[in-house]
N, C-alpha and C. Protein backbone atom coordinates (compact mmCIF):
# COMPACT_ATOMS: atom_id res chain seq x y z
N UNK A 1 83.53 1.07 -77.16
CA UNK A 1 84.93 2.23 -75.93
C UNK A 1 84.64 1.21 -74.76
N UNK A 2 85.46 0.95 -74.36
CA UNK A 2 85.66 0.05 -73.09
C UNK A 2 86.16 1.03 -72.37
N UNK A 3 85.60 1.03 -70.96
CA UNK A 3 86.09 2.15 -69.51
C UNK A 3 86.54 1.34 -69.16
N UNK A 4 87.74 2.35 -68.75
CA UNK A 4 88.61 1.20 -67.47
C UNK A 4 88.59 2.07 -66.22
N UNK A 5 87.79 1.66 -65.36
CA UNK A 5 87.78 1.88 -63.80
C UNK A 5 88.81 2.14 -63.05
N UNK A 6 88.72 3.66 -62.10
CA UNK A 6 89.83 3.77 -61.45
C UNK A 6 89.96 4.78 -60.44
N UNK A 7 89.25 3.65 -59.37
CA UNK A 7 89.57 4.62 -57.81
C UNK A 7 90.36 4.89 -57.24
N UNK A 8 91.37 4.02 -57.57
CA UNK A 8 92.91 4.25 -56.59
C UNK A 8 93.10 5.75 -56.95
N UNK A 9 92.67 6.36 -58.00
CA UNK A 9 93.32 7.76 -58.06
C UNK A 9 93.17 8.84 -57.31
N UNK A 10 91.44 8.57 -56.96
CA UNK A 10 91.28 9.23 -55.69
C UNK A 10 91.63 9.49 -54.20
N UNK A 11 92.66 8.80 -54.26
CA UNK A 11 93.20 8.44 -53.27
C UNK A 11 93.87 9.79 -52.28
N UNK A 12 94.57 10.08 -53.74
CA UNK A 12 95.47 11.61 -53.29
C UNK A 12 94.32 12.40 -53.03
N UNK A 13 93.64 12.47 -53.12
CA UNK A 13 92.25 13.97 -52.78
C UNK A 13 91.66 13.25 -51.92
N UNK A 14 92.00 12.35 -51.09
CA UNK A 14 91.35 12.11 -49.48
C UNK A 14 91.11 13.22 -48.40
N UNK A 15 92.26 14.47 -48.51
CA UNK A 15 92.26 15.31 -47.46
C UNK A 15 91.13 16.29 -48.48
N UNK A 16 90.98 16.46 -49.39
CA UNK A 16 89.94 17.36 -50.23
C UNK A 16 88.37 16.41 -49.72
N UNK A 17 88.30 15.30 -49.72
CA UNK A 17 87.24 14.64 -49.33
C UNK A 17 87.02 15.10 -48.18
N UNK A 18 87.74 14.48 -47.41
CA UNK A 18 87.54 14.46 -45.81
C UNK A 18 87.43 16.04 -45.46
N UNK A 19 87.69 17.14 -45.66
CA UNK A 19 87.43 19.01 -45.43
C UNK A 19 85.77 18.77 -46.09
N UNK A 20 85.41 18.04 -46.99
CA UNK A 20 84.16 18.69 -47.88
C UNK A 20 83.45 17.87 -46.69
N UNK A 21 83.80 16.52 -46.60
CA UNK A 21 82.91 15.82 -44.85
C UNK A 21 82.77 16.72 -43.84
N UNK A 22 83.69 17.15 -43.28
CA UNK A 22 83.29 17.89 -42.04
C UNK A 22 82.42 19.22 -42.52
N UNK A 23 82.51 20.06 -43.64
CA UNK A 23 82.17 20.85 -43.58
C UNK A 23 80.65 20.87 -43.66
N UNK A 24 80.48 19.56 -44.40
CA UNK A 24 78.73 19.29 -44.61
C UNK A 24 78.17 19.20 -43.45
N UNK A 25 79.04 18.49 -42.69
CA UNK A 25 78.81 17.74 -40.86
C UNK A 25 78.50 19.60 -40.25
N UNK A 26 79.29 20.28 -40.40
CA UNK A 26 79.27 21.17 -40.04
C UNK A 26 78.15 22.28 -40.03
N UNK A 27 77.66 22.11 -41.55
CA UNK A 27 76.31 22.88 -41.82
C UNK A 27 75.42 22.54 -41.41
N UNK A 28 75.21 21.31 -41.41
CA UNK A 28 73.80 20.34 -40.88
C UNK A 28 73.76 20.64 -39.38
N UNK A 29 74.94 20.31 -38.62
CA UNK A 29 74.71 20.34 -37.50
C UNK A 29 74.77 22.10 -36.99
N UNK A 30 75.22 23.13 -37.14
CA UNK A 30 74.62 24.29 -36.58
C UNK A 30 73.79 24.82 -37.49
N UNK A 31 73.44 24.61 -38.46
CA UNK A 31 72.15 24.66 -39.16
C UNK A 31 71.22 24.48 -38.78
N UNK A 32 71.41 22.82 -38.57
CA UNK A 32 70.33 22.42 -37.85
C UNK A 32 69.63 22.78 -36.59
N UNK A 33 70.38 22.66 -35.89
CA UNK A 33 69.77 22.75 -34.29
C UNK A 33 69.44 24.65 -34.26
N UNK A 34 69.82 25.41 -35.02
CA UNK A 34 69.50 26.76 -35.10
C UNK A 34 67.93 27.07 -36.03
N UNK A 35 67.99 26.14 -36.63
CA UNK A 35 66.91 26.50 -37.72
C UNK A 35 65.83 25.65 -36.74
N UNK A 36 66.16 24.76 -35.82
CA UNK A 36 64.83 23.88 -35.43
C UNK A 36 64.37 24.70 -34.12
N UNK A 37 65.53 25.48 -33.86
CA UNK A 37 64.69 26.42 -32.18
C UNK A 37 63.75 27.25 -33.17
N UNK A 38 64.31 27.88 -34.62
CA UNK A 38 63.81 29.41 -35.36
C UNK A 38 62.35 28.26 -35.47
N UNK A 39 62.24 26.86 -35.86
CA UNK A 39 61.19 26.40 -36.18
C UNK A 39 59.90 26.76 -34.69
N UNK A 40 61.00 26.23 -33.97
CA UNK A 40 59.84 26.20 -32.48
C UNK A 40 59.26 27.53 -32.09
N UNK A 41 60.13 28.43 -31.98
CA UNK A 41 59.34 29.81 -32.37
C UNK A 41 58.35 30.62 -32.59
N UNK A 42 59.21 29.89 -34.18
CA UNK A 42 57.66 30.76 -35.22
C UNK A 42 56.57 29.49 -34.79
N UNK A 43 56.25 27.86 -34.68
CA UNK A 43 55.56 27.52 -34.50
C UNK A 43 54.61 27.93 -33.29
N UNK A 44 55.23 28.61 -32.17
CA UNK A 44 54.46 28.89 -31.10
C UNK A 44 53.65 30.33 -31.13
N UNK A 45 54.68 31.22 -31.94
CA UNK A 45 53.87 32.45 -32.75
C UNK A 45 52.50 31.60 -33.53
N UNK A 46 52.87 31.08 -34.35
CA UNK A 46 51.76 30.93 -35.31
C UNK A 46 50.26 30.44 -34.50
N UNK A 47 51.09 29.55 -33.12
CA UNK A 47 49.55 28.77 -32.17
C UNK A 47 49.23 29.73 -31.41
N UNK A 48 50.06 30.37 -30.26
CA UNK A 48 49.42 31.28 -29.14
C UNK A 48 50.42 32.11 -29.21
N UNK A 49 51.34 32.82 -29.67
CA UNK A 49 51.74 34.01 -30.22
C UNK A 49 50.79 35.19 -29.81
N UNK A 50 51.24 36.61 -30.00
CA UNK A 50 50.89 37.48 -30.35
C UNK A 50 49.95 37.47 -31.63
N UNK A 51 48.41 38.17 -31.77
CA UNK A 51 48.02 38.26 -33.06
C UNK A 51 48.69 38.92 -34.18
N UNK A 52 48.91 40.32 -33.67
CA UNK A 52 49.87 41.24 -34.21
C UNK A 52 51.21 40.33 -34.85
N UNK A 53 52.01 39.29 -34.47
CA UNK A 53 53.01 39.09 -34.74
C UNK A 53 52.74 37.71 -35.88
N UNK A 54 51.38 37.02 -35.60
CA UNK A 54 51.28 36.13 -36.30
C UNK A 54 51.50 36.37 -38.11
N UNK A 55 50.75 36.93 -38.59
CA UNK A 55 51.10 37.79 -40.35
C UNK A 55 52.47 37.86 -40.57
N UNK A 56 53.26 38.41 -39.64
CA UNK A 56 54.91 38.47 -40.22
C UNK A 56 55.40 36.97 -40.45
N UNK A 57 54.94 36.19 -39.49
CA UNK A 57 55.50 34.93 -39.28
C UNK A 57 55.13 33.91 -40.55
N UNK A 58 53.61 33.88 -40.60
CA UNK A 58 53.14 33.52 -41.65
C UNK A 58 53.62 33.69 -42.96
N UNK A 59 53.72 35.11 -43.22
CA UNK A 59 54.38 35.10 -44.53
C UNK A 59 55.57 34.82 -44.90
N UNK A 60 56.72 35.10 -43.98
CA UNK A 60 57.89 34.04 -43.52
C UNK A 60 57.91 32.21 -44.39
N UNK A 61 56.52 31.92 -43.46
CA UNK A 61 57.02 30.56 -43.61
C UNK A 61 56.39 30.40 -45.04
N UNK A 62 55.21 30.85 -45.91
CA UNK A 62 55.00 30.60 -46.97
C UNK A 62 55.96 31.02 -48.10
N UNK A 63 56.76 32.32 -47.73
CA UNK A 63 57.71 32.97 -48.54
C UNK A 63 59.05 31.93 -48.97
N UNK A 64 59.46 31.11 -47.89
CA UNK A 64 60.16 30.21 -48.01
C UNK A 64 59.97 29.26 -48.51
N UNK A 65 58.50 28.41 -48.07
CA UNK A 65 58.19 27.35 -48.36
C UNK A 65 57.82 27.12 -49.78
N UNK A 66 57.85 28.40 -50.46
CA UNK A 66 57.21 28.76 -51.95
C UNK A 66 58.69 29.17 -53.10
N UNK A 67 59.88 28.87 -52.11
CA UNK A 67 60.52 29.63 -53.42
C UNK A 67 61.85 28.46 -53.45
N UNK A 68 62.75 28.12 -54.25
CA UNK A 68 63.80 27.33 -54.09
C UNK A 68 64.79 27.80 -53.09
N UNK A 69 65.39 26.79 -52.49
CA UNK A 69 66.58 26.94 -51.86
C UNK A 69 67.68 27.91 -52.42
N UNK A 70 68.04 27.02 -54.06
CA UNK A 70 69.19 28.00 -54.24
C UNK A 70 68.81 29.39 -54.56
N UNK A 71 67.62 29.73 -54.76
CA UNK A 71 67.34 31.24 -54.98
C UNK A 71 67.99 32.07 -53.43
N UNK A 72 67.36 31.25 -52.59
CA UNK A 72 67.28 31.77 -51.17
C UNK A 72 68.64 32.12 -50.73
N UNK A 73 69.77 30.97 -51.57
CA UNK A 73 71.08 31.05 -50.73
C UNK A 73 71.91 32.33 -51.41
N UNK A 74 71.34 32.52 -52.91
CA UNK A 74 72.19 33.49 -54.28
C UNK A 74 71.23 35.09 -53.37
N UNK A 75 69.95 34.79 -52.89
CA UNK A 75 69.66 36.14 -52.14
C UNK A 75 70.36 36.65 -51.33
N UNK A 76 71.12 35.66 -50.38
CA UNK A 76 71.20 36.24 -49.33
C UNK A 76 72.90 36.41 -49.41
N UNK A 77 73.52 35.60 -50.23
CA UNK A 77 74.91 35.62 -50.49
C UNK A 77 75.40 36.84 -51.56
N UNK A 78 74.17 36.87 -52.68
CA UNK A 78 74.76 37.90 -53.64
C UNK A 78 73.78 39.27 -53.43
N UNK A 79 72.61 39.23 -53.05
CA UNK A 79 71.91 40.18 -52.57
C UNK A 79 71.97 41.04 -51.96
N UNK A 80 72.38 40.22 -50.65
CA UNK A 80 71.89 40.95 -49.49
C UNK A 80 73.79 42.28 -49.43
N UNK A 81 74.48 42.30 -49.77
CA UNK A 81 75.90 43.15 -50.38
C UNK A 81 75.39 44.41 -50.85
N UNK A 82 74.52 44.12 -51.80
CA UNK A 82 73.67 45.49 -52.19
C UNK A 82 72.88 46.43 -51.11
N UNK A 83 72.99 45.35 -50.18
CA UNK A 83 71.72 46.51 -49.01
C UNK A 83 73.19 46.75 -47.78
N UNK A 84 74.50 46.43 -48.03
CA UNK A 84 75.22 46.73 -47.13
C UNK A 84 75.43 45.59 -46.58
N UNK A 85 75.09 44.54 -46.52
CA UNK A 85 75.43 43.32 -45.36
C UNK A 85 76.12 42.35 -46.39
N UNK A 86 77.16 42.02 -46.32
CA UNK A 86 77.94 41.23 -47.07
C UNK A 86 78.37 40.13 -46.19
N UNK A 87 78.03 38.56 -46.39
CA UNK A 87 78.46 37.62 -45.67
C UNK A 87 79.53 36.53 -46.35
N UNK A 88 80.36 35.71 -45.65
CA UNK A 88 81.07 35.29 -46.51
C UNK A 88 80.43 33.61 -47.10
N UNK A 89 81.35 33.14 -47.37
CA UNK A 89 80.40 31.86 -47.98
C UNK A 89 80.04 30.70 -46.84
N UNK A 90 80.60 30.26 -45.91
CA UNK A 90 80.09 29.50 -44.72
C UNK A 90 79.04 30.59 -43.91
N UNK A 91 78.74 32.01 -43.31
CA UNK A 91 77.60 32.49 -42.50
C UNK A 91 76.77 32.03 -43.63
N UNK A 92 76.94 32.27 -45.34
CA UNK A 92 75.64 32.74 -45.99
C UNK A 92 75.17 31.19 -46.30
N UNK A 93 75.93 30.39 -46.23
CA UNK A 93 75.08 29.37 -46.30
C UNK A 93 74.61 28.29 -45.22
N UNK A 94 75.25 28.87 -43.48
CA UNK A 94 74.30 28.28 -42.70
C UNK A 94 72.81 28.88 -42.46
N UNK A 95 73.47 30.53 -42.58
CA UNK A 95 72.27 31.16 -42.44
C UNK A 95 70.67 31.14 -43.20
N UNK A 96 71.27 30.60 -44.44
CA UNK A 96 70.17 29.99 -45.69
C UNK A 96 69.64 28.91 -44.97
N UNK A 97 70.55 27.66 -44.70
CA UNK A 97 69.84 26.93 -44.23
C UNK A 97 69.14 27.09 -42.49
N UNK A 98 69.42 28.12 -41.78
CA UNK A 98 68.56 28.33 -41.06
C UNK A 98 66.98 28.62 -41.01
N UNK A 99 67.14 29.83 -42.20
CA UNK A 99 65.87 30.04 -42.28
C UNK A 99 64.46 29.03 -43.49
N UNK A 100 65.87 28.32 -44.00
CA UNK A 100 64.74 26.97 -44.58
C UNK A 100 64.09 26.22 -43.62
N UNK A 101 65.11 25.91 -42.91
CA UNK A 101 64.86 24.40 -42.02
C UNK A 101 63.81 25.21 -40.86
N UNK A 102 64.05 26.37 -40.67
CA UNK A 102 63.23 27.36 -39.70
C UNK A 102 61.53 27.47 -40.17
N UNK A 103 61.40 27.65 -41.45
CA UNK A 103 59.81 27.20 -42.18
C UNK A 103 59.62 26.45 -42.31
N UNK A 104 60.06 24.90 -42.39
CA UNK A 104 59.77 24.40 -42.55
C UNK A 104 59.67 23.35 -41.49
N UNK A 105 60.45 23.36 -40.42
CA UNK A 105 60.42 22.90 -39.53
C UNK A 105 58.80 23.39 -38.17
N UNK A 106 58.83 24.82 -38.68
CA UNK A 106 57.52 25.34 -38.09
C UNK A 106 56.31 24.91 -38.41
N UNK A 107 56.37 24.29 -39.57
CA UNK A 107 54.73 23.87 -39.96
C UNK A 107 54.46 22.58 -39.17
N UNK A 108 55.87 21.96 -39.49
CA UNK A 108 55.74 20.60 -39.00
C UNK A 108 55.81 20.43 -37.07
N UNK A 109 55.97 21.26 -37.10
CA UNK A 109 56.07 21.40 -35.03
C UNK A 109 54.60 21.85 -34.81
N UNK A 110 53.64 22.93 -36.01
CA UNK A 110 53.31 23.36 -35.55
C UNK A 110 51.75 22.12 -35.57
N UNK A 111 52.26 21.35 -36.66
CA UNK A 111 51.11 20.08 -36.50
C UNK A 111 50.53 19.38 -35.50
N UNK A 112 52.04 18.99 -34.78
CA UNK A 112 52.29 18.13 -33.38
C UNK A 112 51.43 19.18 -32.26
N UNK A 113 51.40 20.77 -31.88
CA UNK A 113 51.24 21.50 -31.22
C UNK A 113 49.42 21.25 -31.62
N UNK A 114 49.11 21.25 -32.73
CA UNK A 114 47.69 21.59 -33.01
C UNK A 114 46.82 19.68 -32.58
N UNK A 115 47.61 19.16 -32.34
CA UNK A 115 47.61 17.40 -32.57
C UNK A 115 47.70 16.90 -31.01
N UNK A 116 48.14 18.25 -30.38
CA UNK A 116 47.87 18.03 -28.33
C UNK A 116 46.35 18.48 -27.95
N UNK A 117 46.03 17.30 -27.33
CA UNK A 117 45.10 17.60 -26.64
C UNK A 117 44.45 18.94 -25.73
N UNK A 118 43.49 19.66 -25.83
CA UNK A 118 43.29 20.84 -25.04
C UNK A 118 43.44 20.60 -23.69
N UNK A 119 43.05 19.42 -23.45
CA UNK A 119 43.36 19.04 -21.96
C UNK A 119 44.69 19.85 -21.09
N UNK A 120 45.48 19.64 -22.36
CA UNK A 120 46.84 19.71 -21.62
C UNK A 120 46.97 21.23 -21.34
N UNK A 121 46.65 22.01 -22.26
CA UNK A 121 46.98 23.65 -22.33
C UNK A 121 45.55 24.25 -20.72
N UNK A 122 44.79 23.01 -20.79
CA UNK A 122 44.01 23.38 -19.30
C UNK A 122 44.31 23.34 -18.10
N UNK A 123 45.33 22.32 -18.27
CA UNK A 123 46.21 21.54 -17.24
C UNK A 123 46.99 22.92 -16.97
N UNK A 124 48.05 23.06 -17.69
CA UNK A 124 48.54 24.32 -17.51
C UNK A 124 48.09 26.15 -17.10
N UNK A 125 46.89 26.03 -17.35
CA UNK A 125 46.22 27.03 -17.03
C UNK A 125 46.06 27.15 -15.87
N UNK A 126 45.54 25.80 -15.50
CA UNK A 126 44.66 25.59 -13.86
C UNK A 126 46.02 25.40 -12.74
N UNK A 127 47.06 25.13 -13.32
CA UNK A 127 48.86 25.83 -12.85
C UNK A 127 49.10 27.26 -12.39
N UNK A 128 48.25 27.82 -13.33
CA UNK A 128 48.42 29.39 -13.27
C UNK A 128 50.18 29.22 -14.07
N UNK A 129 49.95 28.83 -14.85
CA UNK A 129 51.16 29.24 -15.46
C UNK A 129 50.42 30.20 -17.08
N UNK A 130 51.76 31.07 -17.35
CA UNK A 130 51.47 31.56 -18.55
C UNK A 130 51.15 30.77 -19.58
N UNK A 131 50.50 31.31 -21.15
CA UNK A 131 50.37 30.40 -22.16
C UNK A 131 51.88 30.12 -22.86
N UNK A 132 53.09 30.83 -22.18
CA UNK A 132 54.46 30.41 -22.84
C UNK A 132 54.81 29.48 -21.75
N UNK A 133 54.57 29.58 -20.99
CA UNK A 133 55.15 28.74 -19.74
C UNK A 133 54.91 27.18 -20.17
N UNK A 134 53.21 27.35 -20.08
CA UNK A 134 52.28 26.00 -20.74
C UNK A 134 52.80 25.38 -21.95
N UNK A 135 53.45 26.26 -22.41
CA UNK A 135 54.02 25.66 -24.02
C UNK A 135 55.31 25.07 -23.65
N UNK A 136 56.09 25.71 -23.07
CA UNK A 136 57.80 25.48 -22.82
C UNK A 136 57.63 24.14 -21.87
N UNK A 137 56.79 24.03 -21.24
CA UNK A 137 57.13 22.99 -20.25
C UNK A 137 55.80 21.79 -20.01
N UNK A 138 54.63 21.72 -20.63
CA UNK A 138 53.52 20.97 -20.91
C UNK A 138 53.25 20.82 -22.34
N UNK A 139 53.59 21.39 -23.25
CA UNK A 139 53.26 21.21 -24.63
C UNK A 139 54.38 20.36 -25.27
N UNK A 140 55.29 21.47 -25.27
CA UNK A 140 56.49 21.14 -26.06
C UNK A 140 56.41 19.79 -26.26
N UNK A 141 57.16 19.29 -25.35
CA UNK A 141 58.15 18.07 -25.28
C UNK A 141 57.02 16.57 -25.76
N UNK A 142 55.81 16.76 -25.74
CA UNK A 142 54.95 15.91 -26.35
C UNK A 142 54.47 16.06 -27.51
N UNK A 143 54.37 17.62 -28.08
CA UNK A 143 54.49 18.06 -29.80
C UNK A 143 55.48 17.15 -30.45
N UNK A 144 56.31 17.64 -29.45
CA UNK A 144 58.17 17.16 -30.51
C UNK A 144 58.27 15.66 -30.57
N UNK A 145 57.52 15.01 -29.73
CA UNK A 145 57.54 13.83 -29.38
C UNK A 145 56.36 12.69 -30.81
N UNK A 146 55.92 13.92 -31.04
CA UNK A 146 54.51 13.37 -32.09
C UNK A 146 55.64 13.53 -33.72
N UNK A 147 55.68 14.68 -33.55
CA UNK A 147 56.38 14.75 -35.13
C UNK A 147 58.19 14.47 -35.00
N UNK A 148 58.39 14.04 -34.35
CA UNK A 148 59.96 13.82 -34.59
C UNK A 148 60.37 13.11 -35.67
N UNK A 149 59.61 11.80 -36.06
CA UNK A 149 60.19 11.33 -37.15
C UNK A 149 59.88 12.35 -38.58
N UNK A 150 58.97 12.61 -38.46
CA UNK A 150 58.88 13.96 -39.64
C UNK A 150 59.80 14.81 -39.45
N UNK A 151 60.39 15.23 -38.56
CA UNK A 151 61.56 16.54 -38.61
C UNK A 151 62.79 15.78 -38.76
N UNK A 152 62.90 14.96 -37.98
CA UNK A 152 63.93 14.15 -38.85
C UNK A 152 63.81 13.51 -40.44
N UNK A 153 63.29 13.84 -40.66
CA UNK A 153 63.58 13.16 -42.56
C UNK A 153 63.47 14.78 -42.80
N UNK A 154 63.06 15.90 -42.44
CA UNK A 154 63.19 17.07 -43.16
C UNK A 154 64.60 17.63 -43.05
N UNK A 155 65.70 16.92 -41.81
CA UNK A 155 66.98 17.62 -41.55
C UNK A 155 67.52 16.58 -42.33
N UNK A 156 67.21 15.43 -42.89
CA UNK A 156 68.11 14.65 -43.66
C UNK A 156 68.03 15.32 -45.32
N UNK A 157 66.77 15.87 -45.51
CA UNK A 157 66.33 16.65 -46.79
C UNK A 157 67.81 17.43 -46.87
N UNK A 158 67.44 18.64 -45.84
CA UNK A 158 68.20 19.68 -45.74
C UNK A 158 69.62 19.74 -45.66
N UNK A 159 70.07 18.27 -45.53
CA UNK A 159 71.67 17.99 -45.16
C UNK A 159 71.73 17.94 -46.90
N UNK A 160 70.84 17.06 -47.43
CA UNK A 160 71.30 16.64 -48.34
C UNK A 160 71.32 18.22 -49.51
N UNK A 161 70.57 18.64 -49.10
CA UNK A 161 70.16 20.21 -49.91
C UNK A 161 71.26 21.00 -49.92
N UNK A 162 72.80 20.72 -48.92
CA UNK A 162 73.98 21.61 -48.79
C UNK A 162 74.30 21.21 -49.77
N UNK A 163 74.32 20.46 -50.95
CA UNK A 163 75.08 20.29 -51.77
C UNK A 163 75.37 21.48 -52.90
N UNK A 164 73.94 22.08 -52.63
CA UNK A 164 73.59 23.75 -53.40
C UNK A 164 74.30 24.36 -52.92
N UNK A 165 75.14 24.63 -51.85
CA UNK A 165 76.38 25.30 -51.63
C UNK A 165 77.61 25.25 -52.13
N UNK A 166 77.43 24.44 -52.82
CA UNK A 166 78.61 24.72 -53.29
C UNK A 166 78.91 25.61 -54.51
N UNK A 167 77.59 26.47 -54.88
CA UNK A 167 77.26 26.96 -56.11
C UNK A 167 78.12 28.48 -55.66
N UNK A 168 78.22 28.73 -54.13
CA UNK A 168 78.79 30.04 -53.40
C UNK A 168 80.12 29.55 -53.16
N UNK A 169 80.39 28.38 -53.01
CA UNK A 169 82.13 28.05 -53.50
C UNK A 169 82.42 27.79 -52.07
N UNK A 170 81.20 27.36 -50.97
CA UNK A 170 81.47 26.38 -49.76
C UNK A 170 82.18 25.15 -50.21
N UNK A 171 82.75 24.43 -49.58
CA UNK A 171 84.07 23.64 -50.01
C UNK A 171 83.38 22.26 -49.08
N UNK A 172 81.85 22.05 -49.60
CA UNK A 172 81.37 20.38 -48.74
C UNK A 172 81.49 19.87 -50.08
N UNK A 173 81.02 18.34 -49.76
CA UNK A 173 81.32 17.31 -50.72
C UNK A 173 81.37 17.39 -51.93
N UNK A 174 80.00 18.33 -52.43
CA UNK A 174 79.97 18.47 -54.09
C UNK A 174 80.63 19.07 -54.62
N UNK A 175 81.16 20.25 -53.82
CA UNK A 175 82.15 21.23 -54.12
C UNK A 175 83.70 20.28 -54.51
N UNK A 176 84.13 19.24 -53.42
CA UNK A 176 84.93 18.64 -53.43
C UNK A 176 85.10 17.68 -54.39
N UNK A 177 84.18 17.30 -54.54
CA UNK A 177 83.56 16.33 -56.06
C UNK A 177 84.06 16.94 -57.33
N UNK A 178 83.40 18.09 -57.08
CA UNK A 178 83.32 18.98 -58.37
C UNK A 178 85.08 19.20 -58.80
N UNK A 179 85.42 19.99 -57.82
CA UNK A 179 87.17 20.02 -57.93
C UNK A 179 87.89 18.86 -58.74
N UNK A 180 87.87 17.43 -57.38
CA UNK A 180 88.35 16.40 -58.08
C UNK A 180 87.98 16.11 -59.30
N UNK A 181 86.76 16.06 -59.63
CA UNK A 181 86.95 16.16 -61.10
C UNK A 181 87.13 16.42 -62.02
N UNK A 182 87.20 18.00 -62.32
CA UNK A 182 88.12 18.64 -62.68
C UNK A 182 89.75 18.40 -62.73
N UNK A 183 90.20 17.72 -62.22
CA UNK A 183 91.84 17.54 -62.10
C UNK A 183 91.84 16.10 -62.60
N UNK A 184 91.10 15.17 -62.06
CA UNK A 184 91.12 13.81 -62.87
C UNK A 184 90.56 13.51 -64.52
N UNK A 185 89.43 13.92 -64.54
CA UNK A 185 88.56 13.69 -65.22
C UNK A 185 88.14 12.34 -65.23
N UNK A 186 87.66 11.75 -63.91
CA UNK A 186 87.43 10.65 -63.21
C UNK A 186 85.84 10.75 -63.23
N UNK A 187 85.03 11.46 -64.14
CA UNK A 187 84.08 11.74 -63.58
C UNK A 187 82.72 10.73 -62.74
N UNK A 188 82.85 9.27 -63.07
CA UNK A 188 81.84 8.13 -62.72
C UNK A 188 82.67 8.16 -61.47
N UNK A 189 83.63 7.79 -61.22
CA UNK A 189 84.32 7.18 -59.89
C UNK A 189 83.97 8.25 -58.66
N UNK A 190 84.30 10.12 -59.15
CA UNK A 190 84.23 10.86 -58.45
C UNK A 190 82.61 11.01 -58.07
N UNK A 191 81.98 11.16 -58.90
CA UNK A 191 80.08 11.09 -58.45
C UNK A 191 79.54 9.69 -57.74
N UNK A 192 80.43 8.54 -58.13
CA UNK A 192 79.73 7.49 -57.20
C UNK A 192 80.20 7.99 -55.48
N UNK A 193 81.38 7.91 -55.61
CA UNK A 193 81.93 8.19 -54.11
C UNK A 193 81.05 9.38 -53.46
N UNK A 194 81.30 10.58 -53.89
CA UNK A 194 80.01 11.23 -53.56
C UNK A 194 78.86 10.98 -53.48
N UNK A 195 77.99 10.42 -53.92
CA UNK A 195 76.53 9.07 -53.66
C UNK A 195 76.71 8.59 -52.66
N UNK A 196 78.08 7.81 -52.57
CA UNK A 196 78.43 6.83 -50.99
C UNK A 196 78.54 7.51 -50.21
N UNK A 197 78.97 9.02 -49.95
CA UNK A 197 78.94 9.41 -48.80
C UNK A 197 77.90 10.26 -48.30
N UNK A 198 76.70 10.73 -49.65
CA UNK A 198 75.44 11.31 -49.16
C UNK A 198 75.05 9.98 -48.54
N UNK A 199 74.71 9.16 -49.23
CA UNK A 199 74.09 7.40 -48.51
C UNK A 199 74.51 7.33 -47.33
N UNK A 200 75.81 7.32 -46.72
CA UNK A 200 76.26 7.00 -45.69
C UNK A 200 75.63 8.60 -44.47
N UNK A 201 76.06 9.63 -44.79
CA UNK A 201 75.75 10.38 -43.60
C UNK A 201 74.26 10.51 -43.56
N UNK A 202 73.34 10.37 -44.65
CA UNK A 202 71.79 10.21 -44.39
C UNK A 202 71.52 9.22 -43.73
N UNK A 203 72.21 7.82 -43.77
CA UNK A 203 71.58 7.23 -42.60
C UNK A 203 72.03 7.28 -41.20
N UNK A 204 73.26 7.73 -41.21
CA UNK A 204 74.20 8.39 -40.02
C UNK A 204 73.33 9.13 -39.35
N UNK A 205 72.84 10.02 -39.73
CA UNK A 205 71.79 11.27 -39.17
C UNK A 205 70.61 10.83 -38.61
N UNK A 206 70.25 10.03 -39.54
CA UNK A 206 69.30 9.20 -39.11
C UNK A 206 68.69 8.38 -37.64
N UNK A 207 69.83 7.97 -38.31
CA UNK A 207 70.20 6.91 -36.29
C UNK A 207 70.87 7.95 -35.71
N UNK A 208 71.27 9.34 -35.33
CA UNK A 208 72.17 9.90 -34.67
C UNK A 208 70.73 10.80 -34.00
N UNK A 209 69.28 10.97 -35.03
CA UNK A 209 68.33 11.62 -34.35
C UNK A 209 67.37 10.50 -33.80
N UNK A 210 67.52 9.41 -34.48
CA UNK A 210 66.83 8.30 -33.42
C UNK A 210 67.34 8.11 -32.36
N UNK A 211 68.84 8.09 -31.76
CA UNK A 211 68.92 8.43 -30.57
C UNK A 211 68.62 9.35 -29.80
N UNK A 212 69.14 10.13 -30.48
CA UNK A 212 68.23 11.94 -29.85
C UNK A 212 66.36 12.01 -29.38
N UNK A 213 66.01 11.32 -30.43
CA UNK A 213 64.46 11.20 -29.65
C UNK A 213 64.35 10.38 -28.57
N UNK A 214 65.17 9.07 -28.62
CA UNK A 214 65.08 7.90 -27.56
C UNK A 214 65.99 8.70 -26.14
N UNK A 215 66.53 9.82 -26.20
CA UNK A 215 67.28 10.03 -25.21
C UNK A 215 66.16 11.42 -24.07
N UNK A 216 65.95 12.21 -25.74
CA UNK A 216 64.81 13.45 -25.28
C UNK A 216 63.57 12.86 -25.04
N UNK A 217 62.88 11.99 -25.57
CA UNK A 217 61.50 12.05 -25.08
C UNK A 217 61.30 10.55 -24.41
N UNK A 218 60.37 10.49 -23.20
CA UNK A 218 60.29 9.30 -22.28
C UNK A 218 59.25 8.02 -23.64
N UNK A 219 59.63 7.08 -23.07
CA UNK A 219 59.19 5.91 -23.73
C UNK A 219 57.71 6.12 -22.58
N UNK A 220 56.88 5.71 -23.76
CA UNK A 220 55.20 5.43 -23.09
C UNK A 220 55.15 3.89 -22.54
N UNK A 221 54.64 4.12 -21.32
CA UNK A 221 54.30 2.65 -21.43
C UNK A 221 53.12 2.59 -21.70
N UNK A 222 53.07 1.09 -22.17
CA UNK A 222 51.58 0.54 -22.20
C UNK A 222 50.61 0.40 -21.20
N UNK A 223 49.68 0.65 -21.23
CA UNK A 223 48.41 0.82 -20.29
C UNK A 223 47.67 -0.54 -20.48
N UNK A 224 47.70 -1.40 -19.31
CA UNK A 224 47.05 -2.81 -19.48
C UNK A 224 45.46 -2.91 -18.73
């Protein structure tokens, strides 16, 4: 049986595809920024924060890193209403992304902090800085510079993971692809297009994060 390819029929659904791309970008921008900020806060707690706060944060990190993203999404969207907290599709998806990325970025950032020479901590203390001030002004930027490639890769993974959000009717790329396929029955063409869109977004996100890294972190001059 010969299959006849027809990508032209997808042009009628261009607004649906563009909406899916916009929502996917919205998810990763908002969720990514908040997730990294949460990861920084958790990394500070696990390395220099109050001892009483470290076990709960460690428990949160282990819980999230050892459970599927889909289960976390379902718990927030379907489970929390049973406790009286009901969220819409987008807020639930963003909250799940923040919680998930926060746990993973916490461990990545913590590795960068632990790789920081002790002399930098001592330098902050010699300037009468508090532990938090030392962390913020002396330790954080060099630590982030060390782990920026790994953190960037984790954000790309999270961006690809947003496809799961279609399960709660978030109208991102995968939701749009499934919708178009159900109307056109052109599964091959639809999912090839979705694959190419995710590939393009992944490459673009890596380049954007690389550019952000170049702007934030000063280049180290070679010592002669």
